[in-house]
Amino acid sequence: MSSHGTVVQDPVETYLTGLSRALSGPRRRKADLMAEARDSLVDATEAYEADGLSPAEAAERAVEDFGDLAEVVPGYRSELGIAQGRRTAVLLLLVMIAQPIVWQEGLWVWNQHPDSDAPVVLFLNQLVMLAGGLSIAGGMLALIATGIGLRYPAVRERVTRVTARFALSSCAAVSIVALLLSTASAIVNETDATGLLVVFVFVVGPLLLVSRAAHRCLRLA
């Protein structure tokens, strides 16, 4: 506080507050990035103080050296986008890997009827298995790309957007085919809409969460 009773804001804290407000994404990764930024600014401030500058001057110089928010934020946002892409890939994999268990014949009350031999049901069943298999394979590739793949600049620059678009495409394809399969199966087997409800609960619902994560990727990309 100054001699006139006004509060003098710490340039470092003001800068960090602005940086935090400009960033959104996975909380843990954001917390790590903010901690790294704080440590860097504090170290720089202490170094300038050791050179003879006043605390206020040292803090201002440290902030200047760190860079304007307009220059710094994109890099931090890219890091958060990569973390969000990895989270999206994990979510997609978890949802898709669980599907064989959810739809295992005879294991659950909603799947007691044998598979129909109707061509449309057989076709849709093969199609949903193909879509699911591709989703799992793509999710694994995205997981690798957001891990060791970051060593390569070409991968690092594109991984967030590619992961998001693949996840959105997979969610749409699997959801639509699963709904069509459940509807066709109910008509052919002359059963109620229990299977359709299960699709919404165990397929569409979880994939909507994956889609939400993917949209966050695109905002950070």
C-alpha atoms as a PDB file:
ATOM      1  CA  MET A   1       0.000   0.000   0.000  1.00  0.00           C
ATOM      2  CA  SER A   2       1.331   3.451  -0.887  1.00  0.00           C
ATOM      3  CA  SER A   3       1.594   6.446   1.463  1.00  0.00           C
ATOM      4  CA  HIS A   4      -1.732   7.742   0.142  1.00  0.00           C
ATOM      5  CA  GLY A   5      -3.538   4.532   1.121  1.00  0.00           C
ATOM      6  CA  THR A   6      -3.949   3.194  -2.416  1.00  0.00           C
ATOM      7  CA  VAL A   7      -3.251  -0.445  -3.135  1.00  0.00           C
ATOM      8  CA  VAL A   8      -0.290  -1.082  -5.408  1.00  0.00           C
ATOM      9  CA  GLN A   9      -0.930  -4.209  -7.430  1.00  0.00           C
ATOM     10  CA  ASP A  10       1.845  -6.705  -7.926  1.00  0.00           C
ATOM     11  CA  PRO A  11       2.643  -6.790 -11.665  1.00  0.00           C
ATOM     12  CA  VAL A  12       3.351 -10.527 -11.479  1.00  0.00           C
ATOM     13  CA  GLU A  13       0.008 -11.321  -9.852  1.00  0.00           C
ATOM     14  CA  THR A  14      -1.837  -9.041 -12.273  1.00  0.00           C
ATOM     15  CA  TYR A  15      -0.156 -10.775 -15.202  1.00  0.00           C
ATOM     16  CA  LEU A  16      -0.913 -14.256 -13.867  1.00  0.00           C
ATOM     17  CA  THR A  17      -4.543 -13.331 -13.280  1.00  0.00           C
ATOM     18  CA  GLY A  18      -4.870 -12.174 -16.873  1.00  0.00           C
ATOM     19  CA  LEU A  19      -3.173 -15.310 -18.135  1.00  0.00           C
ATOM     20  CA  SER A  20      -5.462 -17.560 -16.110  1.00  0.00           C
ATOM     21  CA  ARG A  21      -8.576 -15.788 -17.365  1.00  0.00           C
ATOM     22  CA  ALA A  22      -7.417 -16.177 -20.973  1.00  0.00           C
ATOM     23  CA  LEU A  23      -6.977 -19.935 -20.650  1.00  0.00           C
ATOM     24  CA  SER A  24      -9.473 -22.776 -20.453  1.00  0.00           C
ATOM     25  CA  GLY A  25      -8.978 -26.504 -20.651  1.00  0.00           C
ATOM     26  CA  PRO A  26      -8.116 -29.504 -18.485  1.00  0.00           C
ATOM     27  CA  ARG A  27      -7.775 -28.202 -14.936  1.00  0.00           C
ATOM     28  CA  ARG A  28      -4.740 -30.241 -13.946  1.00  0.00           C
ATOM     29  CA  ARG A  29      -2.739 -29.271 -17.027  1.00  0.00           C
ATOM     30  CA  LYS A  30      -3.781 -25.629 -16.653  1.00  0.00           C
ATOM     31  CA  ALA A  31      -2.694 -25.677 -13.003  1.00  0.00           C
ATOM     32  CA  ASP A  32       0.687 -27.108 -14.019  1.00  0.00           C
ATOM     33  CA  LEU A  33       1.176 -24.432 -16.688  1.00  0.00           C
ATOM     34  CA  MET A  34       0.191 -21.652 -14.300  1.00  0.00           C
ATOM     35  CA  ALA A  35       2.596 -22.986 -11.662  1.00  0.00           C
ATOM     36  CA  GLU A  36       5.413 -23.040 -14.223  1.00  0.00           C
ATOM     37  CA  ALA A  37       4.636 -19.470 -15.274  1.00  0.00           C
ATOM     38  CA  ARG A  38       4.554 -18.296 -11.650  1.00  0.00           C
ATOM     39  CA  ASP A  39       7.875 -19.981 -10.853  1.00  0.00           C
ATOM     40  CA  SER A  40       9.493 -18.440 -13.914  1.00  0.00           C
ATOM     41  CA  LEU A  41       8.238 -14.936 -13.067  1.00  0.00           C
ATOM     42  CA  VAL A  42       9.218 -15.221  -9.407  1.00  0.00           C
ATOM     43  CA  ASP A  43      12.703 -16.445 -10.305  1.00  0.00           C
ATOM     44  CA  ALA A  44      13.144 -13.593 -12.795  1.00  0.00           C
ATOM     45  CA  THR A  45      11.911 -11.041 -10.241  1.00  0.00           C
ATOM     46  CA  GLU A  46      14.330 -12.315  -7.606  1.00  0.00           C
ATOM     47  CA  ALA A  47      17.187 -12.171 -10.110  1.00  0.00           C
ATOM     48  CA  TYR A  48      16.441  -8.530 -10.948  1.00  0.00           C
ATOM     49  CA  GLU A  49      16.171  -7.669  -7.260  1.00  0.00           C
ATOM     50  CA  ALA A  50      19.593  -9.230  -6.726  1.00  0.00           C
ATOM     51  CA  ASP A  51      20.873  -6.880  -9.451  1.00  0.00           C
ATOM     52  CA  GLY A  52      19.704  -3.894  -7.395  1.00  0.00           C
ATOM     53  CA  LEU A  53      16.218  -3.136  -8.734  1.00  0.00           C
ATOM     54  CA  SER A  54      13.365  -2.398  -6.353  1.00  0.00           C
ATOM     55  CA  PRO A  55      10.732  -5.173  -5.916  1.00  0.00           C
ATOM     56  CA  ALA A  56       8.227  -3.269  -8.069  1.00  0.00           C
ATOM     57  CA  GLU A  57      10.751  -2.534 -10.822  1.00  0.00           C
ATOM     58  CA  ALA A  58      12.018  -6.113 -10.724  1.00  0.00           C
ATOM     59  CA  ALA A  59       8.491  -7.496 -11.085  1.00  0.00           C
ATOM     60  CA  GLU A  60       7.717  -5.167 -13.977  1.00  0.00           C
ATOM     61  CA  ARG A  61      10.918  -6.163 -15.757  1.00  0.00           C
ATOM     62  CA  ALA A  62      10.160  -9.863 -15.230  1.00  0.00           C
ATOM     63  CA  VAL A  63       6.707  -9.436 -16.743  1.00  0.00           C
ATOM     64  CA  GLU A  64       8.116  -7.538 -19.725  1.00  0.00           C
ATOM     65  CA  ASP A  65      10.629 -10.301 -20.365  1.00  0.00           C
ATOM     66  CA  PHE A  66       7.947 -12.994 -20.132  1.00  0.00           C
ATOM     67  CA  GLY A  67       6.009 -11.431 -23.001  1.00  0.00           C
ATOM     68  CA  ASP A  68       2.671  -9.819 -23.759  1.00  0.00           C
ATOM     69  CA  LEU A  69      -0.368 -11.966 -23.129  1.00  0.00           C
ATOM     70  CA  ALA A  70      -1.273 -11.767 -26.812  1.00  0.00           C
ATOM     71  CA  GLU A  71       2.024 -13.482 -27.602  1.00  0.00           C
ATOM     72  CA  VAL A  72       2.057 -15.960 -24.716  1.00  0.00           C
ATOM     73  CA  VAL A  73      -1.541 -17.181 -24.623  1.00  0.00           C
ATOM     74  CA  PRO A  74      -1.525 -19.062 -27.986  1.00  0.00           C
ATOM     75  CA  GLY A  75       1.342 -21.275 -26.858  1.00  0.00           C
ATOM     76  CA  TYR A  76      -0.328 -22.116 -23.566  1.00  0.00           C
ATOM     77  CA  ARG A  77      -3.626 -22.708 -25.335  1.00  0.00           C
ATOM     78  CA  SER A  78      -1.899 -25.150 -27.690  1.00  0.00           C
ATOM     79  CA  GLU A  79      -0.588 -27.118 -24.705  1.00  0.00           C
ATOM     80  CA  LEU A  80      -4.062 -27.258 -23.205  1.00  0.00           C
ATOM     81  CA  GLY A  81      -5.463 -28.345 -26.569  1.00  0.00           C
ATOM     82  CA  ILE A  82      -3.056 -31.277 -26.687  1.00  0.00           C
ATOM     83  CA  ALA A  83      -4.074 -32.300 -23.172  1.00  0.00           C
ATOM     84  CA  GLN A  84      -7.740 -32.012 -24.131  1.00  0.00           C
ATOM     85  CA  GLY A  85      -7.096 -34.086 -27.250  1.00  0.00           C
ATOM     86  CA  ARG A  86      -5.551 -36.836 -25.150  1.00  0.00           C
ATOM     87  CA  ARG A  87      -8.523 -36.771 -22.793  1.00  0.00           C
ATOM     88  CA  THR A  88     -10.893 -36.991 -25.769  1.00  0.00           C
ATOM     89  CA  ALA A  89      -9.026 -39.990 -27.179  1.00  0.00           C
ATOM     90  CA  VAL A  90      -9.168 -41.760 -23.808  1.00  0.00           C
ATOM     91  CA  LEU A  91     -12.906 -41.105 -23.472  1.00  0.00           C
ATOM     92  CA  LEU A  92     -13.570 -42.412 -26.982  1.00  0.00           C
ATOM     93  CA  LEU A  93     -11.572 -45.569 -26.297  1.00  0.00           C
ATOM     94  CA  LEU A  94     -13.323 -46.242 -22.994  1.00  0.00           C
ATOM     95  CA  VAL A  95     -16.774 -45.881 -24.535  1.00  0.00           C
ATOM     96  CA  MET A  96     -16.001 -48.059 -27.535  1.00  0.00           C
ATOM     97  CA  ILE A  97     -14.143 -50.784 -25.638  1.00  0.00           C
ATOM     98  CA  ALA A  98     -17.149 -51.128 -23.319  1.00  0.00           C
ATOM     99  CA  GLN A  99     -19.570 -51.791 -26.187  1.00  0.00           C
ATOM    100  CA  PRO A 100     -18.860 -55.544 -26.675  1.00  0.00           C
ATOM    101  CA  ILE A 101     -19.643 -56.040 -22.987  1.00  0.00           C
ATOM    102  CA  VAL A 102     -22.825 -53.977 -23.154  1.00  0.00           C
ATOM    103  CA  TRP A 103     -24.093 -55.908 -26.175  1.00  0.00           C
ATOM    104  CA  GLN A 104     -22.891 -59.409 -25.335  1.00  0.00           C
ATOM    105  CA  GLU A 105     -25.728 -61.756 -26.238  1.00  0.00           C
ATOM    106  CA  GLY A 106     -27.547 -63.314 -23.316  1.00  0.00           C
ATOM    107  CA  LEU A 107     -25.575 -61.429 -20.662  1.00  0.00           C
ATOM    108  CA  TRP A 108     -28.072 -58.629 -20.058  1.00  0.00           C
ATOM    109  CA  VAL A 109     -31.847 -58.521 -19.957  1.00  0.00           C
ATOM    110  CA  TRP A 110     -31.997 -56.225 -22.991  1.00  0.00           C
ATOM    111  CA  ASN A 111     -30.032 -58.634 -25.179  1.00  0.00           C
ATOM    112  CA  GLN A 112     -31.695 -62.009 -24.648  1.00  0.00           C
ATOM    113  CA  HIS A 113     -32.907 -62.428 -28.218  1.00  0.00           C
ATOM    114  CA  PRO A 114     -30.660 -64.184 -30.751  1.00  0.00           C
ATOM    115  CA  ASP A 115     -29.373 -62.129 -33.638  1.00  0.00           C
ATOM    116  CA  SER A 116     -31.768 -61.968 -36.544  1.00  0.00           C
ATOM    117  CA  ASP A 117     -30.876 -63.415 -39.942  1.00  0.00           C
ATOM    118  CA  ALA A 118     -32.616 -60.532 -41.685  1.00  0.00           C
ATOM    119  CA  PRO A 119     -30.224 -59.010 -44.247  1.00  0.00           C
ATOM    120  CA  VAL A 120     -30.737 -55.456 -42.990  1.00  0.00           C
ATOM    121  CA  VAL A 121     -29.914 -56.463 -39.408  1.00  0.00           C
ATOM    122  CA  LEU A 122     -26.853 -58.439 -40.492  1.00  0.00           C
ATOM    123  CA  PHE A 123     -25.659 -55.525 -42.612  1.00  0.00           C
ATOM    124  CA  LEU A 124     -26.139 -52.962 -39.855  1.00  0.00           C
ATOM    125  CA  ASN A 125     -24.504 -55.257 -37.318  1.00  0.00           C
ATOM    126  CA  GLN A 126     -21.421 -55.558 -39.512  1.00  0.00           C
ATOM    127  CA  LEU A 127     -21.459 -51.829 -40.126  1.00  0.00           C
ATOM    128  CA  VAL A 128     -21.572 -50.931 -36.430  1.00  0.00           C
ATOM    129  CA  MET A 129     -18.758 -53.392 -35.724  1.00  0.00           C
ATOM    130  CA  LEU A 130     -16.697 -51.798 -38.484  1.00  0.00           C
ATOM    131  CA  ALA A 131     -17.398 -48.276 -37.197  1.00  0.00           C
ATOM    132  CA  GLY A 132     -16.555 -49.362 -33.666  1.00  0.00           C
ATOM    133  CA  GLY A 133     -13.333 -51.043 -34.740  1.00  0.00           C
ATOM    134  CA  LEU A 134     -12.220 -47.980 -36.687  1.00  0.00           C
ATOM    135  CA  SER A 135     -13.070 -45.759 -33.723  1.00  0.00           C
ATOM    136  CA  ILE A 136     -10.926 -47.874 -31.401  1.00  0.00           C
ATOM    137  CA  ALA A 137      -8.031 -47.919 -33.873  1.00  0.00           C
ATOM    138  CA  GLY A 138      -8.284 -44.172 -34.416  1.00  0.00           C
ATOM    139  CA  GLY A 139      -8.524 -43.546 -30.694  1.00  0.00           C
ATOM    140  CA  MET A 140      -5.351 -45.566 -30.125  1.00  0.00           C
ATOM    141  CA  LEU A 141      -3.535 -43.591 -32.820  1.00  0.00           C
ATOM    142  CA  ALA A 142      -4.721 -40.313 -31.268  1.00  0.00           C
ATOM    143  CA  LEU A 143      -3.488 -41.479 -27.872  1.00  0.00           C
ATOM    144  CA  ILE A 144      -0.078 -42.260 -29.341  1.00  0.00           C
ATOM    145  CA  ALA A 145      -0.012 -38.968 -31.250  1.00  0.00           C
ATOM    146  CA  THR A 146      -0.766 -36.958 -28.090  1.00  0.00           C
ATOM    147  CA  GLY A 147       2.021 -38.843 -26.313  1.00  0.00           C
ATOM    148  CA  ILE A 148       5.218 -39.812 -28.076  1.00  0.00           C
ATOM    149  CA  GLY A 149       3.937 -38.280 -31.303  1.00  0.00           C
ATOM    150  CA  LEU A 150       4.505 -34.806 -29.863  1.00  0.00           C
ATOM    151  CA  ARG A 151       8.209 -35.225 -30.582  1.00  0.00           C
ATOM    152  CA  TYR A 152       7.429 -34.493 -34.232  1.00  0.00           C
ATOM    153  CA  PRO A 153       6.501 -30.870 -35.078  1.00  0.00           C
ATOM    154  CA  ALA A 154       4.121 -31.874 -37.890  1.00  0.00           C
ATOM    155  CA  VAL A 155       2.151 -34.078 -35.479  1.00  0.00           C
ATOM    156  CA  ARG A 156       2.216 -31.547 -32.655  1.00  0.00           C
ATOM    157  CA  GLU A 157       0.781 -28.798 -34.847  1.00  0.00           C
ATOM    158  CA  ARG A 158      -2.188 -30.850 -36.058  1.00  0.00           C
ATOM    159  CA  VAL A 159      -2.931 -33.447 -33.391  1.00  0.00           C
ATOM    160  CA  THR A 160      -5.576 -31.474 -31.466  1.00  0.00           C
ATOM    161  CA  ARG A 161      -7.718 -30.596 -34.477  1.00  0.00           C
ATOM    162  CA  VAL A 162      -7.360 -34.027 -36.116  1.00  0.00           C
ATOM    163  CA  THR A 163      -8.244 -35.815 -32.873  1.00  0.00           C
ATOM    164  CA  ALA A 164     -11.309 -33.623 -32.393  1.00  0.00           C
ATOM    165  CA  ARG A 165     -12.593 -34.121 -35.923  1.00  0.00           C
ATOM    166  CA  PHE A 166     -12.016 -37.868 -35.820  1.00  0.00           C
ATOM    167  CA  ALA A 167     -13.797 -38.160 -32.476  1.00  0.00           C
ATOM    168  CA  LEU A 168     -16.789 -36.166 -33.734  1.00  0.00           C
ATOM    169  CA  SER A 169     -17.014 -38.272 -36.887  1.00  0.00           C
ATOM    170  CA  SER A 170     -16.764 -41.497 -34.900  1.00  0.00           C
ATOM    171  CA  CYS A 171     -19.421 -40.387 -32.419  1.00  0.00           C
ATOM    172  CA  ALA A 172     -21.838 -39.479 -35.192  1.00  0.00           C
ATOM    173  CA  ALA A 173     -21.247 -42.646 -37.225  1.00  0.00           C
ATOM    174  CA  VAL A 174     -21.462 -45.081 -34.314  1.00  0.00           C
ATOM    175  CA  SER A 175     -24.523 -43.389 -32.802  1.00  0.00           C
ATOM    176  CA  ILE A 176     -26.480 -43.338 -36.067  1.00  0.00           C
ATOM    177  CA  VAL A 177     -25.681 -46.930 -37.029  1.00  0.00           C
ATOM    178  CA  ALA A 178     -26.394 -48.195 -33.490  1.00  0.00           C
ATOM    179  CA  LEU A 179     -29.787 -46.487 -33.485  1.00  0.00           C
ATOM    180  CA  LEU A 180     -30.624 -47.908 -36.906  1.00  0.00           C
ATOM    181  CA  LEU A 181     -29.534 -51.389 -35.832  1.00  0.00           C
ATOM    182  CA  SER A 182     -31.578 -51.300 -32.650  1.00  0.00           C
ATOM    183  CA  THR A 183     -34.643 -50.047 -34.515  1.00  0.00           C
ATOM    184  CA  ALA A 184     -34.336 -52.662 -37.271  1.00  0.00           C
ATOM    185  CA  SER A 185     -33.771 -55.443 -34.736  1.00  0.00           C
ATOM    186  CA  ALA A 186     -36.855 -54.428 -32.742  1.00  0.00           C
ATOM    187  CA  ILE A 187     -38.992 -54.445 -35.896  1.00  0.00           C
ATOM    188  CA  VAL A 188     -37.699 -57.786 -37.169  1.00  0.00           C
ATOM    189  CA  ASN A 189     -37.868 -59.545 -33.794  1.00  0.00           C
ATOM    190  CA  GLU A 190     -41.171 -57.835 -32.916  1.00  0.00           C
ATOM    191  CA  THR A 191     -39.831 -56.677 -29.557  1.00  0.00           C
ATOM    192  CA  ASP A 192     -40.337 -53.469 -27.609  1.00  0.00           C
ATOM    193  CA  ALA A 193     -38.091 -50.414 -27.663  1.00  0.00           C
ATOM    194  CA  THR A 194     -35.896 -51.546 -24.756  1.00  0.00           C
ATOM    195  CA  GLY A 195     -32.901 -51.944 -27.042  1.00  0.00           C
ATOM    196  CA  LEU A 196     -33.367 -48.414 -28.349  1.00  0.00           C
ATOM    197  CA  LEU A 197     -33.404 -47.071 -24.808  1.00  0.00           C
ATOM    198  CA  VAL A 198     -30.221 -48.986 -24.021  1.00  0.00           C
ATOM    199  CA  VAL A 199     -28.563 -47.484 -27.100  1.00  0.00           C
ATOM    200  CA  PHE A 200     -29.360 -43.998 -25.830  1.00  0.00           C
ATOM    201  CA  VAL A 201     -28.037 -44.809 -22.350  1.00  0.00           C
ATOM    202  CA  PHE A 202     -24.889 -46.764 -23.212  1.00  0.00           C
ATOM    203  CA  VAL A 203     -23.988 -45.484 -26.681  1.00  0.00           C
ATOM    204  CA  VAL A 204     -25.477 -42.104 -27.568  1.00  0.00           C
ATOM    205  CA  GLY A 205     -25.204 -40.623 -24.072  1.00  0.00           C
ATOM    206  CA  PRO A 206     -21.524 -41.472 -23.525  1.00  0.00           C
ATOM    207  CA  LEU A 207     -20.647 -40.448 -27.073  1.00  0.00           C
ATOM    208  CA  LEU A 208     -22.271 -37.067 -26.465  1.00  0.00           C
ATOM    209  CA  LEU A 209     -19.758 -36.597 -23.646  1.00  0.00           C
ATOM    210  CA  VAL A 210     -16.969 -37.512 -26.060  1.00  0.00           C
ATOM    211  CA  SER A 211     -18.364 -35.013 -28.570  1.00  0.00           C
ATOM    212  CA  ARG A 212     -18.379 -32.315 -25.913  1.00  0.00           C
ATOM    213  CA  ALA A 213     -14.718 -33.015 -25.166  1.00  0.00           C
ATOM    214  CA  ALA A 214     -13.963 -32.905 -28.899  1.00  0.00           C
ATOM    215  CA  HIS A 215     -15.658 -29.518 -29.276  1.00  0.00           C
ATOM    216  CA  ARG A 216     -13.419 -28.218 -26.492  1.00  0.00           C
ATOM    217  CA  CYS A 217     -10.451 -29.442 -28.527  1.00  0.00           C
ATOM    218  CA  LEU A 218     -11.574 -27.370 -31.487  1.00  0.00           C
ATOM    219  CA  ARG A 219     -11.899 -24.272 -29.326  1.00  0.00           C
ATOM    220  CA  LEU A 220      -8.323 -24.736 -28.161  1.00  0.00           C
ATOM    221  CA  ALA A 221      -6.854 -25.738 -31.529  1.00  0.00           C
END
